[in-house]
PDB file of N, CA and C in Angstrom:
ATOM      1  N   MET A   1       0.835  -1.155   0.000  1.00  0.00           N
ATOM      2  CA  MET A   1       0.000   0.000   0.000  1.00  0.00           C
ATOM      3  C   MET A   1       0.894   1.237   0.000  1.00  0.00           C
ATOM      4  N   VAL A   2       0.594   2.173  -0.852  1.00  0.00           N
ATOM      5  CA  VAL A   2       1.371   3.405  -0.964  1.00  0.00           C
ATOM      6  C   VAL A   2       0.561   4.532  -0.346  1.00  0.00           C
ATOM      7  N   ILE A   3       1.185   5.274   0.529  1.00  0.00           N
ATOM      8  CA  ILE A   3       0.518   6.407   1.162  1.00  0.00           C
ATOM      9  C   ILE A   3       1.076   7.677   0.547  1.00  0.00           C
ATOM     10  N   THR A   4       0.179   8.508   0.076  1.00  0.00           N
ATOM     11  CA  THR A   4       0.617   9.778  -0.499  1.00  0.00           C
ATOM     12  C   THR A   4       0.066  10.902   0.354  1.00  0.00           C
ATOM     13  N   THR A   5       0.811  11.974   0.433  1.00  0.00           N
ATOM     14  CA  THR A   5       0.362  13.158   1.162  1.00  0.00           C
ATOM     15  C   THR A   5       0.470  14.362   0.245  1.00  0.00           C
ATOM     16  N   ARG A   6      -0.388  15.302   0.483  1.00  0.00           N
ATOM     17  CA  ARG A   6      -0.333  16.523  -0.314  1.00  0.00           C
ATOM     18  C   ARG A   6       0.552  17.541   0.391  1.00  0.00           C
ATOM     19  N   VAL A   7       1.351  18.208  -0.376  1.00  0.00           N
ATOM     20  CA  VAL A   7       2.229  19.233   0.167  1.00  0.00           C
ATOM     21  C   VAL A   7       1.710  20.582  -0.278  1.00  0.00           C
ATOM     22  N   ARG A   8       1.509  21.468   0.682  1.00  0.00           N
ATOM     23  CA  ARG A   8       1.056  22.821   0.332  1.00  0.00           C
ATOM     24  C   ARG A   8       2.218  23.602  -0.245  1.00  0.00           C
ATOM     25  N   GLU A   9       1.893  24.599  -1.041  1.00  0.00           N
ATOM     26  CA  GLU A   9       2.940  25.426  -1.643  1.00  0.00           C
ATOM     27  C   GLU A   9       3.735  26.160  -0.578  1.00  0.00           C
ATOM     28  N   ALA A  10       3.083  26.515   0.517  1.00  0.00           N
ATOM     29  CA  ALA A  10       3.771  27.255   1.579  1.00  0.00           C
ATOM     30  C   ALA A  10       4.798  26.361   2.267  1.00  0.00           C
ATOM     31  N   ASP A  11       4.587  25.050   2.223  1.00  0.00           N
ATOM     32  CA  ASP A  11       5.519  24.113   2.858  1.00  0.00           C
ATOM     33  C   ASP A  11       6.729  23.808   1.990  1.00  0.00           C
ATOM     34  N   LEU A  12       6.663  24.161   0.730  1.00  0.00           N
ATOM     35  CA  LEU A  12       7.772  23.864  -0.177  1.00  0.00           C
ATOM     36  C   LEU A  12       8.913  24.832   0.057  1.00  0.00           C
ATOM     37  N   GLY A  13      10.105  24.320  -0.036  1.00  0.00           N
ATOM     38  CA  GLY A  13      11.274  25.172   0.116  1.00  0.00           C
ATOM     39  C   GLY A  13      11.603  25.833  -1.203  1.00  0.00           C
ATOM     40  N   LYS A  14      12.786  26.400  -1.302  1.00  0.00           N
ATOM     41  CA  LYS A  14      13.214  27.031  -2.540  1.00  0.00           C
ATOM     42  C   LYS A  14      13.346  25.971  -3.619  1.00  0.00           C
ATOM     43  N   GLY A  15      12.940  26.331  -4.809  1.00  0.00           N
ATOM     44  CA  GLY A  15      13.045  25.409  -5.930  1.00  0.00           C
ATOM     45  C   GLY A  15      11.898  24.409  -5.971  1.00  0.00           C
ATOM     46  N   GLY A  16      10.917  24.551  -5.117  1.00  0.00           N
ATOM     47  CA  GLY A  16       9.750  23.689  -5.146  1.00  0.00           C
ATOM     48  C   GLY A  16       9.930  22.353  -4.458  1.00  0.00           C
ATOM     49  N   ALA A  17      11.055  22.128  -3.797  1.00  0.00           N
ATOM     50  CA  ALA A  17      11.281  20.848  -3.120  1.00  0.00           C
ATOM     51  C   ALA A  17      10.834  20.973  -1.662  1.00  0.00           C
ATOM     52  N   PRO A  18      10.279  19.889  -1.086  1.00  0.00           N
ATOM     53  CA  PRO A  18       9.871  19.957   0.317  1.00  0.00           C
ATOM     54  C   PRO A  18      11.091  20.088   1.218  1.00  0.00           C
ATOM     55  N   PRO A  19      10.943  20.738   2.351  1.00  0.00           N
ATOM     56  CA  PRO A  19      12.083  20.895   3.267  1.00  0.00           C
ATOM     57  C   PRO A  19      12.490  19.536   3.831  1.00  0.00           C
ATOM     58  N   LEU A  20      13.719  19.452   4.259  1.00  0.00           N
ATOM     59  CA  LEU A  20      14.215  18.202   4.837  1.00  0.00           C
ATOM     60  C   LEU A  20      13.487  17.905   6.139  1.00  0.00           C
ATOM     61  N   LEU A  21      13.255  16.639   6.370  1.00  0.00           N
ATOM     62  CA  LEU A  21      12.632  16.240   7.624  1.00  0.00           C
ATOM     63  C   LEU A  21      13.620  16.437   8.750  1.00  0.00           C
ATOM     64  N   ARG A  22      13.111  16.798   9.872  1.00  0.00           N
ATOM     65  CA  ARG A  22      13.993  16.962  11.018  1.00  0.00           C
ATOM     66  C   ARG A  22      14.412  15.586  11.519  1.00  0.00           C
ATOM     67  N   MET A  23      15.675  15.443  11.707  1.00  0.00           N
ATOM     68  CA  MET A  23      16.204  14.175  12.214  1.00  0.00           C
ATOM     69  C   MET A  23      16.671  14.406  13.640  1.00  0.00           C
ATOM     70  N   ARG A  24      16.605  13.359  14.427  1.00  0.00           N
ATOM     71  CA  ARG A  24      17.093  13.479  15.799  1.00  0.00           C
ATOM     72  C   ARG A  24      18.610  13.620  15.795  1.00  0.00           C
ATOM     73  N   SER A  25      19.075  14.441  16.667  1.00  0.00           N
ATOM     74  CA  SER A  25      20.523  14.628  16.731  1.00  0.00           C
ATOM     75  C   SER A  25      21.160  13.433  17.438  1.00  0.00           C
ATOM     76  N   PRO A  26      22.407  13.137  17.136  1.00  0.00           N
ATOM     77  CA  PRO A  26      23.087  12.012  17.784  1.00  0.00           C
ATOM     78  C   PRO A  26      23.196  12.171  19.291  1.00  0.00           C
ATOM     79  N   SER A  27      22.994  13.372  19.794  1.00  0.00           N
ATOM     80  CA  SER A  27      23.080  13.564  21.240  1.00  0.00           C
ATOM     81  C   SER A  27      21.743  13.307  21.926  1.00  0.00           C
ATOM     82  N   GLY A  28      20.738  12.884  21.166  1.00  0.00           N
ATOM     83  CA  GLY A  28      19.428  12.587  21.737  1.00  0.00           C
ATOM     84  C   GLY A  28      19.488  11.369  22.644  1.00  0.00           C
ATOM     85  N   PRO A  29      18.457  11.146  23.444  1.00  0.00           N
ATOM     86  CA  PRO A  29      18.493  10.061  24.435  1.00  0.00           C
ATOM     87  C   PRO A  29      18.582   8.671  23.804  1.00  0.00           C
ATOM     88  N   HIS A  30      18.020   8.495  22.633  1.00  0.00           N
ATOM     89  CA  HIS A  30      18.051   7.170  22.011  1.00  0.00           C
ATOM     90  C   HIS A  30      19.448   6.803  21.525  1.00  0.00           C
ATOM     91  N   PHE A  31      20.201   7.795  21.080  1.00  0.00           N
ATOM     92  CA  PHE A  31      21.527   7.511  20.570  1.00  0.00           C
ATOM     93  C   PHE A  31      22.544   7.325  21.685  1.00  0.00           C
ATOM     94  N   ARG A  32      22.339   7.968  22.825  1.00  0.00           N
ATOM     95  CA  ARG A  32      23.262   7.795  23.941  1.00  0.00           C
ATOM     96  C   ARG A  32      23.287   6.355  24.411  1.00  0.00           C
ATOM     97  N   MET A  33      22.131   5.734  24.475  1.00  0.00           N
ATOM     98  CA  MET A  33      22.067   4.358  24.938  1.00  0.00           C
ATOM     99  C   MET A  33      22.804   3.438  23.955  1.00  0.00           C
ATOM    100  N   ALA A  34      22.649   3.697  22.675  1.00  0.00           N
ATOM    101  CA  ALA A  34      23.321   2.871  21.679  1.00  0.00           C
ATOM    102  C   ALA A  34      24.832   3.008  21.794  1.00  0.00           C
ATOM    103  N   ARG A  35      25.296   4.198  22.085  1.00  0.00           N
ATOM    104  CA  ARG A  35      26.744   4.384  22.202  1.00  0.00           C
ATOM    105  C   ARG A  35      27.307   3.677  23.428  1.00  0.00           C
ATOM    106  N   THR A  36      26.572   3.653  24.521  1.00  0.00           N
ATOM    107  CA  THR A  36      27.086   2.981  25.704  1.00  0.00           C
ATOM    108  C   THR A  36      26.971   1.465  25.566  1.00  0.00           C
ATOM    109  N   MET A  37      26.040   0.982  24.782  1.00  0.00           N
ATOM    110  CA  MET A  37      25.884  -0.457  24.582  1.00  0.00           C
ATOM    111  C   MET A  37      26.942  -1.000  23.626  1.00  0.00           C
ATOM    112  N   GLU A  38      27.433  -0.181  22.731  1.00  0.00           N
ATOM    113  CA  GLU A  38      28.386  -0.650  21.731  1.00  0.00           C
ATOM    114  C   GLU A  38      29.664  -1.215  22.345  1.00  0.00           C
ATOM    115  N   PRO A  39      30.320  -0.531  23.288  1.00  0.00           N
ATOM    116  CA  PRO A  39      31.522  -1.124  23.894  1.00  0.00           C
ATOM    117  C   PRO A  39      31.204  -2.414  24.654  1.00  0.00           C
ATOM    118  N   LEU A  40      30.040  -2.470  25.293  1.00  0.00           N
ATOM    119  CA  LEU A  40      29.643  -3.685  26.001  1.00  0.00           C
ATOM    120  C   LEU A  40      29.462  -4.843  25.020  1.00  0.00           C
ATOM    121  N   ALA A  41      28.830  -4.574  23.887  1.00  0.00           N
ATOM    122  CA  ALA A  41      28.635  -5.608  22.879  1.00  0.00           C
ATOM    123  C   ALA A  41      29.981  -6.091  22.328  1.00  0.00           C
ATOM    124  N   LYS A  42      30.912  -5.174  22.145  1.00  0.00           N
ATOM    125  CA  LYS A  42      32.244  -5.551  21.661  1.00  0.00           C
ATOM    126  C   LYS A  42      32.956  -6.437  22.682  1.00  0.00           C
ATOM    127  N   LYS A  43      32.827  -6.094  23.962  1.00  0.00           N
ATOM    128  CA  LYS A  43      33.470  -6.891  25.005  1.00  0.00           C
ATOM    129  C   LYS A  43      32.864  -8.287  25.067  1.00  0.00           C
ATOM    130  N   ILE A  44      31.549  -8.365  24.953  1.00  0.00           N
ATOM    131  CA  ILE A  44      30.887  -9.672  24.974  1.00  0.00           C
ATOM    132  C   ILE A  44      31.321 -10.492  23.779  1.00  0.00           C
ATOM    133  N   PHE A  45      31.359  -9.878  22.601  1.00  0.00           N
ATOM    134  CA  PHE A  45      31.779 -10.589  21.390  1.00  0.00           C
ATOM    135  C   PHE A  45      33.219 -11.077  21.524  1.00  0.00           C
ATOM    136  N   LYS A  46      34.104 -10.237  22.022  1.00  0.00           N
ATOM    137  CA  LYS A  46      35.504 -10.640  22.198  1.00  0.00           C
ATOM    138  C   LYS A  46      35.613 -11.779  23.209  1.00  0.00           C
ATOM    139  N   GLY A  47      34.827 -11.700  24.285  1.00  0.00           N
ATOM    140  CA  GLY A  47      34.841 -12.766  25.289  1.00  0.00           C
ATOM    141  C   GLY A  47      34.384 -14.094  24.710  1.00  0.00           C
ATOM    142  N   ILE A  48      33.328 -14.065  23.920  1.00  0.00           N
ATOM    143  CA  ILE A  48      32.840 -15.290  23.285  1.00  0.00           C
ATOM    144  C   ILE A  48      33.874 -15.823  22.300  1.00  0.00           C
ATOM    145  N   LEU A  49      34.479 -14.939  21.542  1.00  0.00           N
ATOM    146  CA  LEU A  49      35.487 -15.350  20.569  1.00  0.00           C
ATOM    147  C   LEU A  49      36.696 -15.984  21.262  1.00  0.00           C
ATOM    148  N   VAL A  50      37.153 -15.378  22.349  1.00  0.00           N
ATOM    149  CA  VAL A  50      38.286 -15.928  23.101  1.00  0.00           C
ATOM    150  C   VAL A  50      37.929 -17.290  23.683  1.00  0.00           C
ATOM    151  N   ALA A  51      36.706 -17.416  24.211  1.00  0.00           N
ATOM    152  CA  ALA A  51      36.275 -18.697  24.780  1.00  0.00           C
ATOM    153  C   ALA A  51      36.229 -19.790  23.716  1.00  0.00           C
ATOM    154  N   GLU A  52      35.763 -19.452  22.528  1.00  0.00           N
ATOM    155  CA  GLU A  52      35.715 -20.448  21.453  1.00  0.00           C
ATOM    156  C   GLU A  52      37.111 -20.857  20.992  1.00  0.00           C
ATOM    157  N   VAL A  53      38.021 -19.897  20.886  1.00  0.00           N
ATOM    158  CA  VAL A  53      39.394 -20.222  20.481  1.00  0.00           C
ATOM    159  C   VAL A  53      40.060 -21.099  21.533  1.00  0.00           C
ATOM    160  N   MET A  54      39.836 -20.768  22.810  1.00  0.00           N
ATOM    161  CA  MET A  54      40.408 -21.597  23.878  1.00  0.00           C
ATOM    162  C   MET A  54      39.800 -23.004  23.845  1.00  0.00           C
ATOM    163  N   GLY A  55      38.514 -23.091  23.551  1.00  0.00           N
ATOM    164  CA  GLY A  55      37.866 -24.393  23.432  1.00  0.00           C
ATOM    165  C   GLY A  55      38.440 -25.217  22.301  1.00  0.00           C
ATOM    166  N   LEU A  56      38.727 -24.571  21.176  1.00  0.00           N
ATOM    167  CA  LEU A  56      39.335 -25.277  20.045  1.00  0.00           C
ATOM    168  C   LEU A  56      40.731 -25.795  20.396  1.00  0.00           C
ATOM    169  N   PHE A  57      41.529 -24.952  21.044  1.00  0.00           N
ATOM    170  CA  PHE A  57      42.866 -25.399  21.442  1.00  0.00           C
ATOM    171  C   PHE A  57      42.788 -26.504  22.484  1.00  0.00           C
ATOM    172  N   GLY A  58      41.843 -26.399  23.408  1.00  0.00           N
ATOM    173  CA  GLY A  58      41.662 -27.443  24.410  1.00  0.00           C
ATOM    174  C   GLY A  58      41.256 -28.762  23.783  1.00  0.00           C
ATOM    175  N   ALA A  59      40.339 -28.699  22.827  1.00  0.00           N
ATOM    176  CA  ALA A  59      39.900 -29.919  22.139  1.00  0.00           C
ATOM    177  C   ALA A  59      41.064 -30.536  21.354  1.00  0.00           C
ATOM    178  N   TYR A  60      41.861 -29.696  20.695  1.00  0.00           N
ATOM    179  CA  TYR A  60      43.014 -30.209  19.956  1.00  0.00           C
ATOM    180  C   TYR A  60      44.019 -30.861  20.907  1.00  0.00           C
ATOM    181  N   PHE A  61      44.308 -30.201  22.037  1.00  0.00           N
ATOM    182  CA  PHE A  61      45.256 -30.736  23.003  1.00  0.00           C
ATOM    183  C   PHE A  61      44.767 -32.083  23.536  1.00  0.00           C
ATOM    184  N   LEU A  62      43.485 -32.158  23.884  1.00  0.00           N
ATOM    185  CA  LEU A  62      42.919 -33.394  24.410  1.00  0.00           C
ATOM    186  C   LEU A  62      42.974 -34.514  23.372  1.00  0.00           C
ATOM    187  N   PHE A  63      42.595 -34.203  22.138  1.00  0.00           N
ATOM    188  CA  PHE A  63      42.641 -35.217  21.080  1.00  0.00           C
ATOM    189  C   PHE A  63      44.076 -35.682  20.849  1.00  0.00           C
ATOM    190  N   ASN A  64      45.010 -34.751  20.796  1.00  0.00           N
ATOM    191  CA  ASN A  64      46.408 -35.100  20.554  1.00  0.00           C
ATOM    192  C   ASN A  64      46.948 -35.975  21.682  1.00  0.00           C
ATOM    193  N   LYS A  65      46.609 -35.633  22.906  1.00  0.00           N
ATOM    194  CA  LYS A  65      47.074 -36.410  24.059  1.00  0.00           C
ATOM    195  C   LYS A  65      46.488 -37.830  24.024  1.00  0.00           C
ATOM    196  N   MET A  66      45.199 -37.936  23.693  1.00  0.00           N
ATOM    197  CA  MET A  66      44.587 -39.262  23.608  1.00  0.00           C
ATOM    198  C   MET A  66      45.122 -40.050  22.417  1.00  0.00           C
ATOM    199  N   ASN A  67      45.478 -39.359  21.372  1.00  0.00           N
ATOM    200  CA  ASN A  67      45.963 -40.021  20.164  1.00  0.00           C
ATOM    201  C   ASN A  67      47.373 -40.566  20.335  1.00  0.00           C
ATOM    202  N   THR A  68      48.145 -39.989  21.254  1.00  0.00           N
ATOM    203  CA  THR A  68      49.548 -40.398  21.393  1.00  0.00           C
ATOM    204  C   THR A  68      49.828 -41.228  22.646  1.00  0.00           C
ATOM    205  N   SER A  69      48.885 -41.292  23.590  1.00  0.00           N
ATOM    206  CA  SER A  69      49.162 -41.982  24.843  1.00  0.00           C
ATOM    207  C   SER A  69      48.038 -42.957  25.196  1.00  0.00           C
ATOM    208  N   GLN A  70      48.373 -44.234  25.172  1.00  0.00           N
ATOM    209  CA  GLN A  70      47.403 -45.251  25.537  1.00  0.00           C
ATOM    210  C   GLN A  70      47.108 -45.204  27.038  1.00  0.00           C
ATOM    211  N   ASP A  71      48.098 -44.845  27.834  1.00  0.00           N
ATOM    212  CA  ASP A  71      47.876 -44.708  29.273  1.00  0.00           C
ATOM    213  C   ASP A  71      46.892 -43.575  29.578  1.00  0.00           C
ATOM    214  N   PHE A  72      47.001 -42.479  28.828  1.00  0.00           N
ATOM    215  CA  PHE A  72      46.064 -41.374  29.020  1.00  0.00           C
ATOM    216  C   PHE A  72      44.654 -41.802  28.633  1.00  0.00           C
ATOM    217  N   ARG A  73      44.526 -42.590  27.569  1.00  0.00           N
ATOM    218  CA  ARG A  73      43.213 -43.113  27.186  1.00  0.00           C
ATOM    219  C   ARG A  73      42.645 -43.995  28.289  1.00  0.00           C
ATOM    220  N   HIS A  74      43.507 -44.766  28.966  1.00  0.00           N
ATOM    221  CA  HIS A  74      43.054 -45.616  30.064  1.00  0.00           C
ATOM    222  C   HIS A  74      42.546 -44.756  31.227  1.00  0.00           C
ATOM    223  N   THR A  75      43.268 -43.684  31.517  1.00  0.00           N
ATOM    224  CA  THR A  75      42.820 -42.749  32.552  1.00  0.00           C
ATOM    225  C   THR A  75      41.485 -42.126  32.166  1.00  0.00           C
ATOM    226  N   MET A  76      41.352 -41.754  30.907  1.00  0.00           N
ATOM    227  CA  MET A  76      40.096 -41.161  30.424  1.00  0.00           C
ATOM    228  C   MET A  76      38.947 -42.164  30.499  1.00  0.00           C
ATOM    229  N   SER A  77      39.252 -43.453  30.273  1.00  0.00           N
ATOM    230  CA  SER A  77      38.186 -44.459  30.326  1.00  0.00           C
ATOM    231  C   SER A  77      37.637 -44.612  31.745  1.00  0.00           C
ATOM    232  N   LYS A  78      38.472 -44.335  32.738  1.00  0.00           N
ATOM    233  CA  LYS A  78      38.019 -44.426  34.128  1.00  0.00           C
ATOM    234  C   LYS A  78      37.275 -43.164  34.570  1.00  0.00           C
ATOM    235  N   LYS A  79      37.807 -41.993  34.190  1.00  0.00           N
ATOM    236  CA  LYS A  79      37.244 -40.734  34.680  1.00  0.00           C
ATOM    237  C   LYS A  79      36.160 -40.165  33.769  1.00  0.00           C
ATOM    238  N   PHE A  80      36.389 -40.174  32.463  1.00  0.00           N
ATOM    239  CA  PHE A  80      35.461 -39.571  31.498  1.00  0.00           C
ATOM    240  C   PHE A  80      35.214 -40.522  30.332  1.00  0.00           C
ATOM    241  N   PRO A  81      34.479 -41.604  30.542  1.00  0.00           N
ATOM    242  CA  PRO A  81      34.284 -42.576  29.459  1.00  0.00           C
ATOM    243  C   PRO A  81      33.531 -42.004  28.257  1.00  0.00           C
ATOM    244  N   PHE A  82      32.663 -41.023  28.468  1.00  0.00           N
ATOM    245  CA  PHE A  82      31.925 -40.454  27.344  1.00  0.00           C
ATOM    246  C   PHE A  82      32.846 -39.684  26.399  1.00  0.00           C
ATOM    247  N   ILE A  83      33.893 -39.053  26.933  1.00  0.00           N
ATOM    248  CA  ILE A  83      34.848 -38.340  26.079  1.00  0.00           C
ATOM    249  C   ILE A  83      35.671 -39.340  25.271  1.00  0.00           C
ATOM    250  N   LEU A  84      36.052 -40.442  25.904  1.00  0.00           N
ATOM    251  CA  LEU A  84      36.797 -41.475  25.189  1.00  0.00           C
ATOM    252  C   LEU A  84      35.943 -42.088  24.086  1.00  0.00           C
ATOM    253  N   GLU A  85      34.654 -42.240  24.339  1.00  0.00           N
ATOM    254  CA  GLU A  85      33.745 -42.772  23.325  1.00  0.00           C
ATOM    255  C   GLU A  85      33.678 -41.839  22.116  1.00  0.00           C
ATOM    256  N   VAL A  86      33.653 -40.543  22.354  1.00  0.00           N
ATOM    257  CA  VAL A  86      33.667 -39.569  21.255  1.00  0.00           C
ATOM    258  C   VAL A  86      34.968 -39.686  20.473  1.00  0.00           C
ATOM    259  N   TYR A  87      36.078 -39.893  21.179  1.00  0.00           N
ATOM    260  CA  TYR A  87      37.376 -40.062  20.521  1.00  0.00           C
ATOM    261  C   TYR A  87      37.352 -41.286  19.608  1.00  0.00           C
ATOM    262  N   TYR A  88      36.870 -42.418  20.145  1.00  0.00           N
ATOM    263  CA  TYR A  88      36.810 -43.631  19.333  1.00  0.00           C
ATOM    264  C   TYR A  88      35.884 -43.458  18.128  1.00  0.00           C
ATOM    265  N   LYS A  89      34.754 -42.829  18.324  1.00  0.00           N
ATOM    266  CA  LYS A  89      33.798 -42.610  17.224  1.00  0.00           C
ATOM    267  C   LYS A  89      34.413 -41.717  16.150  1.00  0.00           C
ATOM    268  N   SER A  90      35.159 -40.691  16.565  1.00  0.00           N
ATOM    269  CA  SER A  90      35.771 -39.810  15.565  1.00  0.00           C
ATOM    270  C   SER A  90      36.836 -40.542  14.764  1.00  0.00           C
ATOM    271  N   LEU A  91      37.587 -41.425  15.426  1.00  0.00           N
ATOM    272  CA  LEU A  91      38.573 -42.218  14.690  1.00  0.00           C
ATOM    273  C   LEU A  91      37.886 -43.168  13.706  1.00  0.00           C
ATOM    274  N   GLU A  92      36.833 -43.827  14.166  1.00  0.00           N
ATOM    275  CA  GLU A  92      36.109 -44.754  13.293  1.00  0.00           C
ATOM    276  C   GLU A  92      35.441 -44.019  12.145  1.00  0.00           C
ATOM    277  N   HIS A  93      34.956 -42.831  12.415  1.00  0.00           N
ATOM    278  CA  HIS A  93      34.327 -42.034  11.351  1.00  0.00           C
ATOM    279  C   HIS A  93      35.346 -41.628  10.286  1.00  0.00           C
ATOM    280  N   SER A  94      36.585 -41.417  10.708  1.00  0.00           N
ATOM    281  CA  SER A  94      37.629 -41.037   9.746  1.00  0.00           C
ATOM    282  C   SER A  94      38.252 -42.251   9.059  1.00  0.00           C
ATOM    283  N   GLY A  95      37.812 -43.461   9.428  1.00  0.00           N
ATOM    284  CA  GLY A  95      38.295 -44.656   8.745  1.00  0.00           C
ATOM    285  C   GLY A  95      39.416 -45.384   9.457  1.00  0.00           C
ATOM    286  N   MET A  96      39.751 -44.977  10.665  1.00  0.00           N
ATOM    287  CA  MET A  96      40.819 -45.631  11.422  1.00  0.00           C
ATOM    288  C   MET A  96      40.179 -46.567  12.452  1.00  0.00           C
ATOM    289  N   TYR A  97      40.213 -47.864  12.169  1.00  0.00           N
ATOM    290  CA  TYR A  97      39.595 -48.843  13.044  1.00  0.00           C
ATOM    291  C   TYR A  97      40.669 -49.599  13.822  1.00  0.00           C
ATOM    292  N   GLY A  98      40.283 -50.188  14.944  1.00  0.00           N
ATOM    293  CA  GLY A  98      41.186 -51.047  15.691  1.00  0.00           C
ATOM    294  C   GLY A  98      41.750 -50.455  16.963  1.00  0.00           C
ATOM    295  N   THR A  99      41.686 -49.169  17.140  1.00  0.00           N
ATOM    296  CA  THR A  99      42.255 -48.544  18.339  1.00  0.00           C
ATOM    297  C   THR A  99      41.506 -48.995  19.584  1.00  0.00           C
ATOM    298  N   ARG A 100      40.194 -49.039  19.505  1.00  0.00           N
ATOM    299  CA  ARG A 100      39.385 -49.456  20.652  1.00  0.00           C
ATOM    300  C   ARG A 100      39.728 -50.895  21.057  1.00  0.00           C
ATOM    301  N   GLN A 101      39.853 -51.776  20.065  1.00  0.00           N
ATOM    302  CA  GLN A 101      40.151 -53.182  20.348  1.00  0.00           C
ATOM    303  C   GLN A 101      41.551 -53.345  20.944  1.00  0.00           C
ATOM    304  N   GLN A 102      42.526 -52.596  20.405  1.00  0.00           N
ATOM    305  CA  GLN A 102      43.884 -52.670  20.942  1.00  0.00           C
ATOM    306  C   GLN A 102      43.918 -52.213  22.400  1.00  0.00           C
ATOM    307  N   ASP A 103      43.213 -51.129  22.692  1.00  0.00           N
ATOM    308  CA  ASP A 103      43.173 -50.625  24.072  1.00  0.00           C
ATOM    309  C   ASP A 103      42.534 -51.651  24.997  1.00  0.00           C
ATOM    310  N   GLN A 104      41.408 -52.211  24.593  1.00  0.00           N
ATOM    311  CA  GLN A 104      40.717 -53.172  25.448  1.00  0.00           C
ATOM    312  C   GLN A 104      41.559 -54.424  25.686  1.00  0.00           C
ATOM    313  N   GLU A 105      42.282 -54.892  24.654  1.00  0.00           N
ATOM    314  CA  GLU A 105      43.150 -56.061  24.821  1.00  0.00           C
ATOM    315  C   GLU A 105      44.286 -55.775  25.804  1.00  0.00           C
ATOM    316  N   LYS A 106      44.902 -54.589  25.658  1.00  0.00           N
ATOM    317  CA  LYS A 106      46.014 -54.255  26.562  1.00  0.00           C
ATOM    318  C   LYS A 106      45.516 -54.107  27.986  1.00  0.00           C
ATOM    319  N   TRP A 107      44.380 -53.459  28.179  1.00  0.00           N
ATOM    320  CA  TRP A 107      43.866 -53.235  29.530  1.00  0.00           C
ATOM    321  C   TRP A 107      43.416 -54.562  30.171  1.00  0.00           C
ATOM    322  N   LEU A 108      42.907 -55.485  29.350  1.00  0.00           N
ATOM    323  CA  LEU A 108      42.536 -56.818  29.869  1.00  0.00           C
ATOM    324  C   LEU A 108      43.768 -57.591  30.273  1.00  0.00           C
ATOM    325  N   ASN A 109      44.807 -57.540  29.444  1.00  0.00           N
ATOM    326  CA  ASN A 109      46.057 -58.255  29.745  1.00  0.00           C
ATOM    327  C   ASN A 109      46.766 -57.661  30.960  1.00  0.00           C
ATOM    328  N   SER A 110      46.667 -56.362  31.166  1.00  0.00           N
ATOM    329  CA  SER A 110      47.337 -55.739  32.304  1.00  0.00           C
ATOM    330  C   SER A 110      46.638 -56.088  33.620  1.00  0.00           C
ATOM    331  N   LYS A 111      45.348 -56.398  33.563  1.00  0.00           N
ATOM    332  CA  LYS A 111      44.617 -56.808  34.779  1.00  0.00           C
ATOM    333  C   LYS A 111      45.027 -58.213  35.214  1.00  0.00           C
ATOM    334  N   ASN A 112      45.337 -59.065  34.235  1.00  0.00           N
ATOM    335  CA  ASN A 112      45.685 -60.474  34.558  1.00  0.00           C
ATOM    336  C   ASN A 112      47.088 -60.598  34.968  1.00  0.00           C
TER     337      ASN A 112
END
């Protein structure tokens, strides 16, 4: 729907064009709040970004440690079995089979 309004000749500026609409100045109350929120939003965004980067490095460190140390995997199987299960699933998903069986055989033999 298009809304049209009639402009009186007295309202027209020089050259027959309507005068510019008054805009709120940046010092108005609505703009002050936006300016104070902007640094807060930047800090929150940076905090989230830092947390995600730290999470990525932590996940890489954990995967690398589990990938290189069978003893660490044994410790993980006792304390955090769900994380070890994710590790095994990711290896199997990438096409590397047999790690789970090798670990279970070694841990069974070490008990006897």
